Amino acid sequence: MARRPDPAKRERIVHTTRELLRRRGVAGTTMLDVVAEAGASRGSLYHYFPGGRSEMVEDAVSGAVAEYSEALLALAELSPREAIPLIVEVWRSEAEASGYEAGCPVVAAALGGEAEPGAREIAARAFTDWTDTVAAWLEQTGVPARRTASLANLLLSAVEGAVIVGLAQRSSEPMVRVAEELVNVVEAARSTGAGHS
């Protein structure tokens, strides 16, 4: 009799993979590490992920992308003054909780793309989609349409960069400063847009 898939076990493996990616990156996340941390057998990894490590990493990155995309969409009704600090606060609290050891698994996929090109493609699509989502939100808040794409790119790049600098410095200060400056930049763009309406 064939084993029935256990969605909870599969999800535990995906979650463990995501956490390892956050702490160790793609190159530092091995199937043996996942087996040890998830409390799973090596055979179960191949049962749930017949495509091996690549499928497991891609599923972990896709799960993170879906989670972060949902969080971005949830902020759509907030003003930049409310939303930007909230976005940064999520990363700040996660960085602090991990002892400044864990970053973004999507960035890990982007950086580890040579080892896992499928995961890098997922990361590339995610950043494109997030840029589009943030650009649409910025326009909705009053930023002139001609500036939304570049400001969305700035927001995403600055937040991800601040997280990386914060992890390196083991401090939340870079994230706090970036949040403050991004609010100022977006509010200035909104003021410019209001003046030309």
N, C-alpha and C. Protein backbone atom coordinates (compact mmCIF):
# COMPACT_ATOMS: atom_id res chain seq x y z
N MET A 1 0.84 -1.19 0.00
CA MET A 1 0.00 0.00 0.00
C MET A 1 0.89 1.25 0.00
N ALA A 2 0.60 2.17 -0.88
CA ALA A 2 1.40 3.40 -1.00
C ALA A 2 1.13 4.32 0.18
N ARG A 3 2.18 5.03 0.59
CA ARG A 3 2.02 6.00 1.68
C ARG A 3 1.21 7.19 1.20
N ARG A 4 0.35 7.63 2.07
CA ARG A 4 -0.42 8.84 1.75
C ARG A 4 0.40 10.06 2.13
N PRO A 5 0.36 11.06 1.30
CA PRO A 5 1.09 12.29 1.64
C PRO A 5 0.52 12.93 2.90
N ASP A 6 1.41 13.41 3.73
CA ASP A 6 1.03 14.11 4.96
C ASP A 6 1.33 15.59 4.76
N PRO A 7 0.30 16.40 4.50
CA PRO A 7 0.55 17.83 4.22
C PRO A 7 1.27 18.54 5.36
N ALA A 8 1.01 18.13 6.60
CA ALA A 8 1.66 18.78 7.73
C ALA A 8 3.16 18.51 7.72
N LYS A 9 3.54 17.29 7.41
CA LYS A 9 4.97 16.94 7.36
C LYS A 9 5.65 17.69 6.22
N ARG A 10 4.99 17.73 5.07
CA ARG A 10 5.56 18.44 3.93
C ARG A 10 5.73 19.92 4.26
N GLU A 11 4.72 20.51 4.88
CA GLU A 11 4.79 21.93 5.24
C GLU A 11 5.91 22.17 6.25
N ARG A 12 6.12 21.24 7.19
CA ARG A 12 7.20 21.38 8.16
C ARG A 12 8.55 21.39 7.44
N ILE A 13 8.69 20.54 6.44
CA ILE A 13 9.94 20.49 5.67
C ILE A 13 10.14 21.80 4.90
N VAL A 14 9.08 22.31 4.29
CA VAL A 14 9.17 23.58 3.55
C VAL A 14 9.53 24.72 4.51
N HIS A 15 8.88 24.76 5.66
CA HIS A 15 9.15 25.82 6.65
C HIS A 15 10.61 25.73 7.13
N THR A 16 11.06 24.53 7.42
CA THR A 16 12.45 24.34 7.86
C THR A 16 13.42 24.80 6.79
N THR A 17 13.14 24.46 5.54
CA THR A 17 14.01 24.88 4.43
C THR A 17 14.05 26.40 4.35
N ARG A 18 12.89 27.03 4.49
CA ARG A 18 12.84 28.50 4.43
C ARG A 18 13.68 29.12 5.55
N GLU A 19 13.57 28.57 6.75
CA GLU A 19 14.34 29.11 7.87
C GLU A 19 15.84 28.90 7.67
N LEU A 20 16.22 27.77 7.13
CA LEU A 20 17.64 27.54 6.84
C LEU A 20 18.13 28.48 5.75
N LEU A 21 17.32 28.73 4.74
CA LEU A 21 17.70 29.70 3.70
C LEU A 21 17.91 31.07 4.31
N ARG A 22 17.05 31.45 5.24
CA ARG A 22 17.18 32.77 5.88
C ARG A 22 18.49 32.88 6.65
N ARG A 23 18.92 31.79 7.28
CA ARG A 23 20.12 31.83 8.12
C ARG A 23 21.40 31.48 7.38
N ARG A 24 21.31 30.57 6.41
CA ARG A 24 22.53 30.04 5.79
C ARG A 24 22.65 30.31 4.30
N GLY A 25 21.58 30.78 3.67
CA GLY A 25 21.61 30.98 2.23
C GLY A 25 21.41 29.67 1.49
N VAL A 26 21.39 29.75 0.18
CA VAL A 26 21.13 28.57 -0.65
C VAL A 26 22.28 27.57 -0.53
N ALA A 27 23.51 28.03 -0.69
CA ALA A 27 24.66 27.12 -0.68
C ALA A 27 24.81 26.42 0.67
N GLY A 28 24.42 27.07 1.75
CA GLY A 28 24.57 26.50 3.08
C GLY A 28 23.39 25.67 3.55
N THR A 29 22.40 25.48 2.71
CA THR A 29 21.22 24.69 3.08
C THR A 29 21.28 23.36 2.35
N THR A 30 21.60 22.31 3.10
CA THR A 30 21.70 20.98 2.51
C THR A 30 20.50 20.14 2.90
N MET A 31 20.30 19.08 2.16
CA MET A 31 19.20 18.16 2.48
C MET A 31 19.42 17.52 3.84
N LEU A 32 20.67 17.24 4.19
CA LEU A 32 20.95 16.66 5.50
C LEU A 32 20.58 17.62 6.62
N ASP A 33 20.83 18.92 6.41
CA ASP A 33 20.43 19.92 7.41
C ASP A 33 18.92 19.95 7.57
N VAL A 34 18.21 19.89 6.45
CA VAL A 34 16.74 19.90 6.50
C VAL A 34 16.24 18.67 7.23
N VAL A 35 16.81 17.50 6.92
CA VAL A 35 16.42 16.26 7.60
C VAL A 35 16.60 16.42 9.11
N ALA A 36 17.76 16.92 9.52
CA ALA A 36 18.05 17.06 10.94
C ALA A 36 17.12 18.06 11.63
N GLU A 37 16.92 19.21 11.02
CA GLU A 37 16.13 20.26 11.66
C GLU A 37 14.63 20.00 11.61
N ALA A 38 14.17 19.34 10.56
CA ALA A 38 12.73 19.07 10.42
C ALA A 38 12.32 17.78 11.12
N GLY A 39 13.30 16.99 11.54
CA GLY A 39 12.98 15.71 12.15
C GLY A 39 12.35 14.76 11.15
N ALA A 40 12.82 14.81 9.92
CA ALA A 40 12.27 13.98 8.84
C ALA A 40 13.34 12.99 8.39
N SER A 41 12.91 11.97 7.70
CA SER A 41 13.88 11.02 7.13
C SER A 41 14.29 11.51 5.75
N ARG A 42 15.46 11.09 5.32
CA ARG A 42 15.91 11.48 3.99
C ARG A 42 14.96 10.96 2.92
N GLY A 43 14.42 9.75 3.13
CA GLY A 43 13.46 9.18 2.19
C GLY A 43 12.21 10.02 2.07
N SER A 44 11.79 10.64 3.20
CA SER A 44 10.58 11.46 3.14
C SER A 44 10.80 12.71 2.30
N LEU A 45 12.05 13.22 2.28
CA LEU A 45 12.33 14.39 1.43
C LEU A 45 12.09 14.04 -0.03
N TYR A 46 12.56 12.88 -0.43
CA TYR A 46 12.37 12.48 -1.83
C TYR A 46 10.92 12.08 -2.11
N HIS A 47 10.22 11.63 -1.07
CA HIS A 47 8.80 11.31 -1.22
C HIS A 47 8.01 12.59 -1.49
N TYR A 48 8.26 13.63 -0.69
CA TYR A 48 7.52 14.89 -0.83
C TYR A 48 8.09 15.79 -1.92
N PHE A 49 9.35 15.61 -2.24
CA PHE A 49 10.02 16.45 -3.23
C PHE A 49 10.78 15.57 -4.22
N PRO A 50 10.05 14.93 -5.15
CA PRO A 50 10.72 14.04 -6.10
C PRO A 50 11.77 14.76 -6.95
N GLY A 51 11.65 16.08 -7.06
CA GLY A 51 12.64 16.87 -7.79
C GLY A 51 13.87 17.18 -6.96
N GLY A 52 13.94 16.62 -5.76
CA GLY A 52 15.12 16.78 -4.90
C GLY A 52 15.24 18.16 -4.28
N ARG A 53 16.47 18.53 -4.01
CA ARG A 53 16.78 19.78 -3.33
C ARG A 53 16.22 20.98 -4.09
N SER A 54 16.33 20.98 -5.40
CA SER A 54 15.83 22.11 -6.19
C SER A 54 14.35 22.35 -5.94
N GLU A 55 13.56 21.30 -5.99
CA GLU A 55 12.12 21.44 -5.75
C GLU A 55 11.85 21.93 -4.34
N MET A 56 12.58 21.40 -3.38
CA MET A 56 12.40 21.79 -1.98
C MET A 56 12.72 23.28 -1.78
N VAL A 57 13.84 23.73 -2.33
CA VAL A 57 14.23 25.14 -2.21
C VAL A 57 13.23 26.03 -2.94
N GLU A 58 12.82 25.63 -4.13
CA GLU A 58 11.85 26.43 -4.89
C GLU A 58 10.53 26.54 -4.15
N ASP A 59 10.07 25.45 -3.54
CA ASP A 59 8.82 25.51 -2.77
C ASP A 59 8.96 26.42 -1.56
N ALA A 60 10.12 26.37 -0.90
CA ALA A 60 10.34 27.23 0.26
C ALA A 60 10.34 28.70 -0.15
N VAL A 61 11.01 29.01 -1.24
CA VAL A 61 11.06 30.40 -1.72
C VAL A 61 9.67 30.84 -2.18
N SER A 62 8.96 29.98 -2.90
CA SER A 62 7.60 30.32 -3.35
C SER A 62 6.68 30.59 -2.17
N GLY A 63 6.82 29.81 -1.11
CA GLY A 63 6.00 30.03 0.09
C GLY A 63 6.30 31.37 0.73
N ALA A 64 7.58 31.73 0.79
CA ALA A 64 7.96 33.03 1.34
C ALA A 64 7.42 34.15 0.47
N VAL A 65 7.52 34.00 -0.84
CA VAL A 65 7.01 35.01 -1.77
C VAL A 65 5.52 35.21 -1.55
N ALA A 66 4.77 34.13 -1.45
CA ALA A 66 3.31 34.23 -1.25
C ALA A 66 2.99 34.95 0.06
N GLU A 67 3.72 34.62 1.10
CA GLU A 67 3.50 35.25 2.41
C GLU A 67 3.80 36.75 2.36
N TYR A 68 4.93 37.11 1.78
CA TYR A 68 5.30 38.53 1.71
C TYR A 68 4.38 39.30 0.76
N SER A 69 3.94 38.66 -0.31
CA SER A 69 3.01 39.31 -1.24
C SER A 69 1.70 39.62 -0.55
N GLU A 70 1.22 38.67 0.23
CA GLU A 70 -0.02 38.87 0.97
C GLU A 70 0.12 40.02 1.97
N ALA A 71 1.27 40.09 2.63
CA ALA A 71 1.51 41.17 3.59
C ALA A 71 1.53 42.53 2.89
N LEU A 72 2.16 42.59 1.72
CA LEU A 72 2.18 43.85 0.97
C LEU A 72 0.78 44.29 0.57
N LEU A 73 -0.02 43.35 0.11
CA LEU A 73 -1.39 43.68 -0.29
C LEU A 73 -2.23 44.14 0.90
N ALA A 74 -1.95 43.61 2.07
CA ALA A 74 -2.70 43.99 3.27
C ALA A 74 -2.43 45.44 3.67
N LEU A 75 -1.32 45.99 3.22
CA LEU A 75 -0.97 47.37 3.57
C LEU A 75 -1.56 48.39 2.60
N ALA A 76 -2.26 47.91 1.59
CA ALA A 76 -2.74 48.78 0.51
C ALA A 76 -3.64 49.92 0.98
N GLU A 77 -4.33 49.74 2.06
CA GLU A 77 -5.25 50.77 2.54
C GLU A 77 -4.58 51.79 3.45
N LEU A 78 -3.31 51.58 3.76
CA LEU A 78 -2.61 52.47 4.68
C LEU A 78 -1.87 53.57 3.93
N SER A 79 -1.63 54.65 4.61
CA SER A 79 -0.82 55.73 4.04
C SER A 79 0.65 55.33 4.10
N PRO A 80 1.50 55.98 3.31
CA PRO A 80 2.93 55.68 3.39
C PRO A 80 3.49 55.89 4.80
N ARG A 81 3.01 56.92 5.49
CA ARG A 81 3.48 57.19 6.85
C ARG A 81 3.16 56.04 7.80
N GLU A 82 2.08 55.30 7.50
CA GLU A 82 1.71 54.14 8.32
C GLU A 82 2.36 52.86 7.80
N ALA A 83 2.33 52.67 6.49
CA ALA A 83 2.74 51.39 5.91
C ALA A 83 4.25 51.15 5.93
N ILE A 84 5.03 52.15 5.59
CA ILE A 84 6.48 51.95 5.49
C ILE A 84 7.08 51.53 6.82
N PRO A 85 6.79 52.21 7.92
CA PRO A 85 7.33 51.73 9.20
C PRO A 85 6.85 50.32 9.58
N LEU A 86 5.63 49.97 9.20
CA LEU A 86 5.14 48.62 9.48
C LEU A 86 5.93 47.57 8.72
N ILE A 87 6.20 47.83 7.45
CA ILE A 87 6.98 46.89 6.65
C ILE A 87 8.36 46.70 7.28
N VAL A 88 9.00 47.80 7.61
CA VAL A 88 10.34 47.73 8.18
C VAL A 88 10.30 47.08 9.57
N GLU A 89 9.26 47.34 10.32
CA GLU A 89 9.14 46.76 11.66
C GLU A 89 9.08 45.23 11.61
N VAL A 90 8.42 44.68 10.62
CA VAL A 90 8.39 43.22 10.47
C VAL A 90 9.81 42.69 10.33
N TRP A 91 10.59 43.30 9.45
CA TRP A 91 11.96 42.86 9.26
C TRP A 91 12.82 43.12 10.48
N ARG A 92 12.63 44.26 11.12
CA ARG A 92 13.42 44.58 12.32
C ARG A 92 13.17 43.56 13.41
N SER A 93 11.89 43.26 13.66
CA SER A 93 11.56 42.31 14.74
C SER A 93 12.06 40.91 14.41
N GLU A 94 11.98 40.50 13.13
CA GLU A 94 12.49 39.19 12.74
C GLU A 94 14.01 39.13 12.89
N ALA A 95 14.68 40.21 12.52
CA ALA A 95 16.15 40.24 12.65
C ALA A 95 16.55 40.16 14.12
N GLU A 96 15.89 40.96 14.96
CA GLU A 96 16.20 40.94 16.39
C GLU A 96 15.91 39.57 17.00
N ALA A 97 14.76 38.99 16.65
CA ALA A 97 14.37 37.69 17.21
C ALA A 97 15.37 36.59 16.83
N SER A 98 16.00 36.73 15.67
CA SER A 98 16.97 35.72 15.23
C SER A 98 18.38 36.02 15.72
N GLY A 99 18.54 37.05 16.53
CA GLY A 99 19.88 37.44 16.95
C GLY A 99 20.70 37.98 15.79
N TYR A 100 20.01 38.60 14.85
CA TYR A 100 20.62 39.15 13.63
C TYR A 100 21.33 38.07 12.82
N GLU A 101 20.70 36.89 12.77
CA GLU A 101 21.25 35.77 12.00
C GLU A 101 20.42 35.43 10.78
N ALA A 102 19.19 35.92 10.68
CA ALA A 102 18.28 35.49 9.61
C ALA A 102 17.81 36.66 8.77
N GLY A 103 17.95 36.53 7.46
CA GLY A 103 17.51 37.55 6.52
C GLY A 103 16.34 37.08 5.69
N CYS A 104 16.25 37.59 4.50
CA CYS A 104 15.13 37.30 3.60
C CYS A 104 15.45 36.08 2.73
N PRO A 105 14.59 35.06 2.76
CA PRO A 105 14.85 33.88 1.93
C PRO A 105 14.77 34.17 0.43
N VAL A 106 14.06 35.22 0.06
CA VAL A 106 13.97 35.57 -1.36
C VAL A 106 15.30 36.18 -1.82
N VAL A 107 15.91 36.98 -0.98
CA VAL A 107 17.24 37.51 -1.28
C VAL A 107 18.24 36.35 -1.34
N ALA A 108 18.12 35.41 -0.42
CA ALA A 108 19.01 34.24 -0.44
C ALA A 108 18.89 33.51 -1.77
N ALA A 109 17.68 33.37 -2.28
CA ALA A 109 17.47 32.71 -3.57
C ALA A 109 18.09 33.51 -4.71
N ALA A 110 17.96 34.83 -4.64
CA ALA A 110 18.56 35.68 -5.68
C ALA A 110 20.08 35.56 -5.67
N LEU A 111 20.66 35.54 -4.48
CA LEU A 111 22.12 35.47 -4.37
C LEU A 111 22.67 34.08 -4.66
N GLY A 112 21.88 33.06 -4.40
CA GLY A 112 22.34 31.69 -4.62
C GLY A 112 21.87 31.11 -5.93
N GLY A 113 21.59 31.96 -6.88
CA GLY A 113 21.00 31.55 -8.13
C GLY A 113 21.81 30.59 -8.97
N GLU A 114 23.12 30.66 -8.87
CA GLU A 114 23.94 29.75 -9.67
C GLU A 114 23.68 28.30 -9.25
N ALA A 115 23.51 28.08 -7.95
CA ALA A 115 23.26 26.73 -7.44
C ALA A 115 21.82 26.29 -7.70
N GLU A 116 20.90 27.23 -7.66
CA GLU A 116 19.47 26.93 -7.83
C GLU A 116 18.83 27.96 -8.75
N PRO A 117 19.02 27.84 -10.07
CA PRO A 117 18.49 28.84 -10.99
C PRO A 117 16.96 28.96 -10.95
N GLY A 118 16.26 27.88 -10.66
CA GLY A 118 14.80 27.96 -10.56
C GLY A 118 14.36 28.85 -9.42
N ALA A 119 15.08 28.77 -8.29
CA ALA A 119 14.77 29.62 -7.15
C ALA A 119 15.08 31.08 -7.47
N ARG A 120 16.17 31.31 -8.20
CA ARG A 120 16.50 32.68 -8.59
C ARG A 120 15.42 33.26 -9.50
N GLU A 121 14.88 32.45 -10.40
CA GLU A 121 13.79 32.92 -11.27
C GLU A 121 12.56 33.29 -10.45
N ILE A 122 12.26 32.50 -9.43
CA ILE A 122 11.13 32.81 -8.55
C ILE A 122 11.39 34.15 -7.85
N ALA A 123 12.61 34.35 -7.37
CA ALA A 123 12.97 35.61 -6.71
C ALA A 123 12.85 36.78 -7.67
N ALA A 124 13.33 36.62 -8.89
CA ALA A 124 13.27 37.70 -9.88
C ALA A 124 11.82 38.08 -10.17
N ARG A 125 10.96 37.08 -10.36
CA ARG A 125 9.53 37.37 -10.59
C ARG A 125 8.91 38.06 -9.39
N ALA A 126 9.30 37.62 -8.20
CA ALA A 126 8.75 38.22 -6.98
C ALA A 126 9.11 39.69 -6.89
N PHE A 127 10.37 40.02 -7.12
CA PHE A 127 10.76 41.43 -7.03
C PHE A 127 10.06 42.27 -8.10
N THR A 128 9.86 41.71 -9.27
CA THR A 128 9.11 42.42 -10.31
C THR A 128 7.66 42.63 -9.87
N ASP A 129 7.03 41.58 -9.37
CA ASP A 129 5.64 41.69 -8.91
C ASP A 129 5.51 42.66 -7.74
N TRP A 130 6.45 42.58 -6.79
CA TRP A 130 6.39 43.49 -5.65
C TRP A 130 6.59 44.93 -6.08
N THR A 131 7.49 45.15 -7.02
CA THR A 131 7.69 46.51 -7.53
C THR A 131 6.40 47.02 -8.16
N ASP A 132 5.73 46.19 -8.93
CA ASP A 132 4.46 46.58 -9.55
C ASP A 132 3.39 46.86 -8.49
N THR A 133 3.32 46.01 -7.47
CA THR A 133 2.34 46.18 -6.39
C THR A 133 2.59 47.48 -5.64
N VAL A 134 3.84 47.72 -5.29
CA VAL A 134 4.18 48.94 -4.55
C VAL A 134 3.96 50.17 -5.43
N ALA A 135 4.29 50.09 -6.71
CA ALA A 135 4.07 51.22 -7.63
C ALA A 135 2.59 51.56 -7.72
N ALA A 136 1.74 50.55 -7.82
CA ALA A 136 0.29 50.80 -7.88
C ALA A 136 -0.19 51.43 -6.58
N TRP A 137 0.32 50.96 -5.46
CA TRP A 137 -0.05 51.52 -4.16
C TRP A 137 0.42 52.98 -4.06
N LEU A 138 1.64 53.26 -4.50
CA LEU A 138 2.14 54.63 -4.45
C LEU A 138 1.27 55.57 -5.28
N GLU A 139 0.87 55.12 -6.46
CA GLU A 139 0.00 55.95 -7.29
C GLU A 139 -1.34 56.19 -6.59
N GLN A 140 -1.85 55.16 -5.96
CA GLN A 140 -3.11 55.27 -5.22
C GLN A 140 -3.00 56.29 -4.07
N THR A 141 -1.79 56.43 -3.50
CA THR A 141 -1.61 57.37 -2.39
C THR A 141 -1.31 58.79 -2.85
N GLY A 142 -1.20 59.00 -4.18
CA GLY A 142 -1.00 60.35 -4.68
C GLY A 142 0.36 60.64 -5.27
N VAL A 143 1.21 59.64 -5.38
CA VAL A 143 2.51 59.85 -6.03
C VAL A 143 2.27 59.92 -7.53
N PRO A 144 2.87 60.89 -8.23
CA PRO A 144 2.69 60.98 -9.68
C PRO A 144 3.08 59.67 -10.37
N ALA A 145 2.28 59.26 -11.33
CA ALA A 145 2.49 57.98 -12.02
C ALA A 145 3.89 57.87 -12.62
N ARG A 146 4.44 58.98 -13.09
CA ARG A 146 5.76 58.93 -13.72
C ARG A 146 6.86 58.57 -12.73
N ARG A 147 6.57 58.66 -11.41
CA ARG A 147 7.59 58.37 -10.39
C ARG A 147 7.37 57.06 -9.66
N THR A 148 6.23 56.43 -9.86
CA THR A 148 5.90 55.28 -9.02
C THR A 148 6.84 54.09 -9.20
N ALA A 149 7.21 53.76 -10.42
CA ALA A 149 8.08 52.59 -10.64
C ALA A 149 9.45 52.79 -10.00
N SER A 150 10.03 53.97 -10.19
CA SER A 150 11.36 54.21 -9.61
C SER A 150 11.30 54.28 -8.09
N LEU A 151 10.24 54.89 -7.55
CA LEU A 151 10.11 54.94 -6.09
C LEU A 151 9.84 53.56 -5.51
N ALA A 152 9.07 52.74 -6.20
CA ALA A 152 8.82 51.38 -5.73
C ALA A 152 10.13 50.60 -5.69
N ASN A 153 10.93 50.76 -6.73
CA ASN A 153 12.23 50.10 -6.77
C ASN A 153 13.11 50.59 -5.62
N LEU A 154 13.10 51.90 -5.38
CA LEU A 154 13.87 52.47 -4.28
C LEU A 154 13.41 51.89 -2.94
N LEU A 155 12.10 51.84 -2.72
CA LEU A 155 11.58 51.31 -1.46
C LEU A 155 12.03 49.88 -1.21
N LEU A 156 11.83 49.02 -2.20
CA LEU A 156 12.21 47.62 -2.02
C LEU A 156 13.72 47.47 -1.83
N SER A 157 14.48 48.16 -2.64
CA SER A 157 15.94 48.05 -2.55
C SER A 157 16.46 48.59 -1.22
N ALA A 158 15.91 49.71 -0.78
CA ALA A 158 16.36 50.31 0.48
C ALA A 158 16.00 49.43 1.67
N VAL A 159 14.81 48.88 1.69
CA VAL A 159 14.41 48.02 2.81
C VAL A 159 15.28 46.76 2.84
N GLU A 160 15.41 46.09 1.69
CA GLU A 160 16.25 44.88 1.65
C GLU A 160 17.69 45.21 2.02
N GLY A 161 18.20 46.32 1.51
CA GLY A 161 19.56 46.74 1.84
C GLY A 161 19.73 47.05 3.31
N ALA A 162 18.75 47.71 3.90
CA ALA A 162 18.81 48.04 5.33
C ALA A 162 18.80 46.77 6.18
N VAL A 163 18.05 45.78 5.75
CA VAL A 163 18.04 44.50 6.47
C VAL A 163 19.43 43.87 6.42
N ILE A 164 20.03 43.86 5.24
CA ILE A 164 21.36 43.26 5.09
C ILE A 164 22.39 44.02 5.94
N VAL A 165 22.37 45.35 5.89
CA VAL A 165 23.30 46.14 6.69
C VAL A 165 23.04 45.91 8.17
N GLY A 166 21.77 45.86 8.56
CA GLY A 166 21.43 45.60 9.96
C GLY A 166 21.93 44.25 10.44
N LEU A 167 21.82 43.24 9.60
CA LEU A 167 22.34 41.92 9.97
C LEU A 167 23.85 41.97 10.14
N ALA A 168 24.53 42.64 9.21
CA ALA A 168 25.99 42.73 9.28
C ALA A 168 26.44 43.49 10.53
N GLN A 169 25.72 44.56 10.86
CA GLN A 169 26.09 45.39 12.01
C GLN A 169 25.46 44.90 13.31
N ARG A 170 24.58 43.90 13.19
CA ARG A 170 23.85 43.36 14.34
C ARG A 170 23.12 44.49 15.07
N SER A 171 22.39 45.27 14.27
CA SER A 171 21.69 46.44 14.79
C SER A 171 20.44 46.71 13.96
N SER A 172 19.41 47.20 14.62
CA SER A 172 18.20 47.58 13.89
C SER A 172 18.25 49.03 13.41
N GLU A 173 19.29 49.75 13.81
CA GLU A 173 19.41 51.16 13.47
C GLU A 173 19.32 51.43 11.96
N PRO A 174 20.00 50.68 11.10
CA PRO A 174 19.87 50.95 9.66
C PRO A 174 18.43 50.84 9.17
N MET A 175 17.68 49.89 9.71
CA MET A 175 16.29 49.71 9.29
C MET A 175 15.42 50.87 9.74
N VAL A 176 15.63 51.32 10.98
CA VAL A 176 14.86 52.44 11.52
C VAL A 176 15.14 53.70 10.70
N ARG A 177 16.40 53.96 10.42
CA ARG A 177 16.77 55.16 9.64
C ARG A 177 16.19 55.12 8.23
N VAL A 178 16.28 53.96 7.60
CA VAL A 178 15.75 53.84 6.24
C VAL A 178 14.24 54.07 6.23
N ALA A 179 13.54 53.53 7.21
CA ALA A 179 12.09 53.73 7.27
C ALA A 179 11.76 55.21 7.35
N GLU A 180 12.47 55.93 8.22
CA GLU A 180 12.22 57.37 8.37
C GLU A 180 12.46 58.11 7.06
N GLU A 181 13.57 57.82 6.41
CA GLU A 181 13.91 58.51 5.16
C GLU A 181 12.96 58.15 4.03
N LEU A 182 12.55 56.90 3.96
CA LEU A 182 11.62 56.50 2.90
C LEU A 182 10.28 57.20 3.06
N VAL A 183 9.82 57.35 4.29
CA VAL A 183 8.57 58.10 4.52
C VAL A 183 8.75 59.52 4.00
N ASN A 184 9.87 60.15 4.32
CA ASN A 184 10.12 61.52 3.86
C ASN A 184 10.15 61.62 2.34
N VAL A 185 10.81 60.67 1.69
CA VAL A 185 10.91 60.68 0.23
C VAL A 185 9.53 60.52 -0.41
N VAL A 186 8.76 59.56 0.10
CA VAL A 186 7.44 59.31 -0.49
C VAL A 186 6.50 60.47 -0.21
N GLU A 187 6.54 61.03 0.98
CA GLU A 187 5.68 62.18 1.30
C GLU A 187 6.03 63.37 0.41
N ALA A 188 7.32 63.57 0.15
CA ALA A 188 7.73 64.67 -0.75
C ALA A 188 7.20 64.42 -2.16
N ALA A 189 7.25 63.18 -2.61
CA ALA A 189 6.72 62.85 -3.95
C ALA A 189 5.22 63.06 -4.00
N ARG A 190 4.53 62.73 -2.92
CA ARG A 190 3.08 62.93 -2.87
C ARG A 190 2.76 64.43 -2.91
N SER A 191 3.55 65.23 -2.20
CA SER A 191 3.33 66.68 -2.20
C SER A 191 3.52 67.26 -3.59
N THR A 192 4.53 66.78 -4.29
CA THR A 192 4.77 67.21 -5.66
C THR A 192 3.59 66.85 -6.54
N GLY A 193 3.07 65.64 -6.34
CA GLY A 193 1.92 65.18 -7.12
C GLY A 193 0.69 66.00 -6.85
N ALA A 194 0.48 66.38 -5.58
CA ALA A 194 -0.69 67.17 -5.21
C ALA A 194 -0.60 68.57 -5.81
N GLY A 195 0.62 69.09 -5.93
CA GLY A 195 0.80 70.42 -6.49
C GLY A 195 0.53 70.50 -7.98
N HIS A 196 0.54 69.33 -8.65
CA HIS A 196 0.32 69.31 -10.10
C HIS A 196 -1.03 68.76 -10.48
N SER A 197 -1.89 68.56 -9.51
CA SER A 197 -3.22 67.99 -9.83
C SER A 197 -4.12 69.00 -10.46
